[in-house]
Amino acid sequence: MPELSRRRALTAAAAVAVTAHSLAVPAASADSGHDHGSLPSFDEVYKGRRIQGRPVAGGGHHRHGPGYAVFVDGVELHVMRNADGTWISVVSHYDPVPTPRAAARAAVDELRGAPLLPFPAN
């Protein structure tokens, strides 16, 4: 039998942790962090700014699989869903909100009339 190396021990520990997590988390909640298709689209004028949001099928900056796109006056507002289900944006990063629509509204509030500038892709 080969000697147990640090690499083999860490690999085995990681495999056990992943297996335990998949057994402990129900399938519906395990996918909920990435299933943005269940969120409704929106298109409204908020404080004189047009905000829009819709589920998207991937592509774009920081999107790997299904995602959600939010726009303020036609410029994409980068949003991200946190592990607890709340949302943040590049404009209001430290103020989590319950929905992408709330993230768009929070960004409009924070911008105070200033235009949203495109976020450069790396």
C-alpha atoms as a PDB file:
ATOM      1  CA  MET A   1       0.000   0.000   0.000  1.00  0.00           C
ATOM      2  CA  PRO A   2       1.447   3.405  -0.941  1.00  0.00           C
ATOM      3  CA  GLU A   3       2.378   5.829   1.802  1.00  0.00           C
ATOM      4  CA  LEU A   4      -0.262   8.489   2.528  1.00  0.00           C
ATOM      5  CA  SER A   5       1.002  11.799   1.210  1.00  0.00           C
ATOM      6  CA  ARG A   6      -0.302  15.237   2.089  1.00  0.00           C
ATOM      7  CA  ARG A   7      -1.774  15.561  -1.435  1.00  0.00           C
ATOM      8  CA  ARG A   8      -3.675  12.263  -1.139  1.00  0.00           C
ATOM      9  CA  ALA A   9      -4.960  13.175   2.320  1.00  0.00           C
ATOM     10  CA  LEU A  10      -6.224  16.580   1.118  1.00  0.00           C
ATOM     11  CA  THR A  11      -7.803  15.036  -1.979  1.00  0.00           C
ATOM     12  CA  ALA A  12      -9.613  12.454   0.124  1.00  0.00           C
ATOM     13  CA  ALA A  13     -10.777  15.107   2.617  1.00  0.00           C
ATOM     14  CA  ALA A  14     -12.119  17.273  -0.199  1.00  0.00           C
ATOM     15  CA  ALA A  15     -13.984  14.331  -1.731  1.00  0.00           C
ATOM     16  CA  VAL A  16     -15.549  13.483   1.628  1.00  0.00           C
ATOM     17  CA  ALA A  17     -16.572  17.135   2.195  1.00  0.00           C
ATOM     18  CA  VAL A  18     -18.180  17.429  -1.264  1.00  0.00           C
ATOM     19  CA  THR A  19     -20.046  14.150  -0.796  1.00  0.00           C
ATOM     20  CA  ALA A  20     -21.246  15.137   2.679  1.00  0.00           C
ATOM     21  CA  HIS A  21     -22.425  18.520   1.402  1.00  0.00           C
ATOM     22  CA  SER A  22     -24.340  16.991  -1.498  1.00  0.00           C
ATOM     23  CA  LEU A  23     -26.069  14.581   0.878  1.00  0.00           C
ATOM     24  CA  ALA A  24     -26.907  17.285   3.439  1.00  0.00           C
ATOM     25  CA  VAL A  25     -28.277  19.935   1.042  1.00  0.00           C
ATOM     26  CA  PRO A  26     -31.592  19.165  -0.686  1.00  0.00           C
ATOM     27  CA  ALA A  27     -31.416  19.334  -4.489  1.00  0.00           C
ATOM     28  CA  ALA A  28     -33.861  22.261  -4.734  1.00  0.00           C
ATOM     29  CA  SER A  29     -31.807  24.515  -2.463  1.00  0.00           C
ATOM     30  CA  ALA A  30     -28.478  23.363  -3.885  1.00  0.00           C
ATOM     31  CA  ASP A  31     -29.395  24.814  -7.287  1.00  0.00           C
ATOM     32  CA  SER A  32     -31.213  27.891  -5.991  1.00  0.00           C
ATOM     33  CA  GLY A  33     -28.017  29.950  -5.853  1.00  0.00           C
ATOM     34  CA  HIS A  34     -27.623  29.732  -9.624  1.00  0.00           C
ATOM     35  CA  ASP A  35     -31.205  29.431 -10.892  1.00  0.00           C
ATOM     36  CA  HIS A  36     -32.006  32.993 -11.891  1.00  0.00           C
ATOM     37  CA  GLY A  37     -34.558  31.860 -14.483  1.00  0.00           C
ATOM     38  CA  SER A  38     -37.246  31.801 -11.787  1.00  0.00           C
ATOM     39  CA  LEU A  39     -36.787  35.534 -11.146  1.00  0.00           C
ATOM     40  CA  PRO A  40     -39.189  37.676 -13.169  1.00  0.00           C
ATOM     41  CA  SER A  41     -38.086  40.259 -15.709  1.00  0.00           C
ATOM     42  CA  PHE A  42     -38.756  43.910 -14.992  1.00  0.00           C
ATOM     43  CA  ASP A  43     -38.789  47.137 -17.004  1.00  0.00           C
ATOM     44  CA  GLU A  44     -39.749  50.352 -15.245  1.00  0.00           C
ATOM     45  CA  VAL A  45     -38.873  53.992 -14.740  1.00  0.00           C
ATOM     46  CA  TYR A  46     -37.563  54.654 -11.235  1.00  0.00           C
ATOM     47  CA  LYS A  47     -36.798  58.258 -10.226  1.00  0.00           C
ATOM     48  CA  GLY A  48     -36.581  59.210 -13.898  1.00  0.00           C
ATOM     49  CA  ARG A  49     -34.165  56.391 -14.803  1.00  0.00           C
ATOM     50  CA  ARG A  50     -35.111  53.346 -16.864  1.00  0.00           C
ATOM     51  CA  ILE A  51     -34.184  50.155 -15.036  1.00  0.00           C
ATOM     52  CA  GLN A  52     -34.503  46.727 -16.631  1.00  0.00           C
ATOM     53  CA  GLY A  53     -33.680  43.203 -15.595  1.00  0.00           C
ATOM     54  CA  ARG A  54     -34.043  39.753 -17.113  1.00  0.00           C
ATOM     55  CA  PRO A  55     -32.689  36.221 -16.833  1.00  0.00           C
ATOM     56  CA  VAL A  56     -29.902  35.487 -19.323  1.00  0.00           C
ATOM     57  CA  ALA A  57     -28.380  32.257 -20.565  1.00  0.00           C
ATOM     58  CA  GLY A  58     -24.695  32.974 -19.916  1.00  0.00           C
ATOM     59  CA  GLY A  59     -21.980  34.675 -21.905  1.00  0.00           C
ATOM     60  CA  GLY A  60     -20.982  38.151 -20.717  1.00  0.00           C
ATOM     61  CA  HIS A  61     -18.669  39.304 -17.954  1.00  0.00           C
ATOM     62  CA  HIS A  62     -18.555  36.994 -14.876  1.00  0.00           C
ATOM     63  CA  ARG A  63     -21.374  34.803 -16.189  1.00  0.00           C
ATOM     64  CA  HIS A  64     -20.933  31.069 -16.143  1.00  0.00           C
ATOM     65  CA  GLY A  65     -24.245  29.460 -16.995  1.00  0.00           C
ATOM     66  CA  PRO A  66     -27.621  30.997 -16.218  1.00  0.00           C
ATOM     67  CA  GLY A  67     -27.487  34.515 -14.836  1.00  0.00           C
ATOM     68  CA  TYR A  68     -29.423  37.725 -14.489  1.00  0.00           C
ATOM     69  CA  ALA A  69     -28.727  40.982 -16.334  1.00  0.00           C
ATOM     70  CA  VAL A  70     -29.685  44.400 -14.963  1.00  0.00           C
ATOM     71  CA  PHE A  71     -29.514  47.688 -16.875  1.00  0.00           C
ATOM     72  CA  VAL A  72     -29.781  51.336 -15.857  1.00  0.00           C
ATOM     73  CA  ASP A  73     -30.566  53.583 -18.844  1.00  0.00           C
ATOM     74  CA  GLY A  74     -29.308  50.825 -21.159  1.00  0.00           C
ATOM     75  CA  VAL A  75     -25.934  50.411 -19.422  1.00  0.00           C
ATOM     76  CA  GLU A  76     -25.364  47.058 -17.710  1.00  0.00           C
ATOM     77  CA  LEU A  77     -25.227  47.185 -13.937  1.00  0.00           C
ATOM     78  CA  HIS A  78     -23.157  44.219 -12.791  1.00  0.00           C
ATOM     79  CA  VAL A  79     -25.049  42.323 -10.102  1.00  0.00           C
ATOM     80  CA  MET A  80     -24.166  39.246  -8.108  1.00  0.00           C
ATOM     81  CA  ARG A  81     -26.194  36.925  -5.951  1.00  0.00           C
ATOM     82  CA  ASN A  82     -24.726  36.175  -2.530  1.00  0.00           C
ATOM     83  CA  ALA A  83     -24.799  32.751  -0.907  1.00  0.00           C
ATOM     84  CA  ASP A  84     -27.651  33.852   1.377  1.00  0.00           C
ATOM     85  CA  GLY A  85     -29.833  34.790  -1.630  1.00  0.00           C
ATOM     86  CA  THR A  86     -29.355  38.552  -1.371  1.00  0.00           C
ATOM     87  CA  TRP A  87     -28.050  40.655  -4.264  1.00  0.00           C
ATOM     88  CA  ILE A  88     -25.319  43.275  -4.551  1.00  0.00           C
ATOM     89  CA  SER A  89     -24.166  45.458  -7.418  1.00  0.00           C
ATOM     90  CA  VAL A  90     -20.947  47.140  -8.397  1.00  0.00           C
ATOM     91  CA  VAL A  91     -22.512  50.455  -7.261  1.00  0.00           C
ATOM     92  CA  SER A  92     -23.931  49.346  -3.908  1.00  0.00           C
ATOM     93  CA  HIS A  93     -21.557  46.504  -3.100  1.00  0.00           C
ATOM     94  CA  TYR A  94     -21.842  46.711   0.682  1.00  0.00           C
ATOM     95  CA  ASP A  95     -25.635  47.013   0.882  1.00  0.00           C
ATOM     96  CA  PRO A  96     -27.252  43.632   0.056  1.00  0.00           C
ATOM     97  CA  VAL A  97     -30.858  43.729  -1.160  1.00  0.00           C
ATOM     98  CA  PRO A  98     -33.450  40.967  -1.710  1.00  0.00           C
ATOM     99  CA  THR A  99     -33.881  41.183  -5.516  1.00  0.00           C
ATOM    100  CA  PRO A 100     -32.140  42.388  -8.690  1.00  0.00           C
ATOM    101  CA  ARG A 101     -34.870  45.069  -9.020  1.00  0.00           C
ATOM    102  CA  ALA A 102     -33.976  46.329  -5.546  1.00  0.00           C
ATOM    103  CA  ALA A 103     -30.284  46.335  -6.579  1.00  0.00           C
ATOM    104  CA  ALA A 104     -31.139  48.482  -9.614  1.00  0.00           C
ATOM    105  CA  ARG A 105     -33.163  50.887  -7.471  1.00  0.00           C
ATOM    106  CA  ALA A 106     -30.361  51.083  -4.878  1.00  0.00           C
ATOM    107  CA  ALA A 107     -27.889  51.893  -7.660  1.00  0.00           C
ATOM    108  CA  VAL A 108     -30.135  54.693  -8.969  1.00  0.00           C
ATOM    109  CA  ASP A 109     -30.371  56.087  -5.435  1.00  0.00           C
ATOM    110  CA  GLU A 110     -26.595  55.903  -5.005  1.00  0.00           C
ATOM    111  CA  LEU A 111     -25.863  57.461  -8.422  1.00  0.00           C
ATOM    112  CA  ARG A 112     -27.953  60.556  -7.505  1.00  0.00           C
ATOM    113  CA  GLY A 113     -28.458  61.498 -11.150  1.00  0.00           C
ATOM    114  CA  ALA A 114     -24.940  60.651 -12.358  1.00  0.00           C
ATOM    115  CA  PRO A 115     -24.726  58.328 -15.366  1.00  0.00           C
ATOM    116  CA  LEU A 116     -23.780  54.700 -14.853  1.00  0.00           C
ATOM    117  CA  LEU A 117     -20.515  54.158 -16.675  1.00  0.00           C
ATOM    118  CA  PRO A 118     -19.787  50.826 -18.384  1.00  0.00           C
ATOM    119  CA  PHE A 119     -17.780  48.455 -16.183  1.00  0.00           C
ATOM    120  CA  PRO A 120     -14.622  47.431 -18.070  1.00  0.00           C
ATOM    121  CA  ALA A 121     -14.233  43.705 -18.674  1.00  0.00           C
ATOM    122  CA  ASN A 122     -10.871  42.255 -17.700  1.00  0.00           C
END
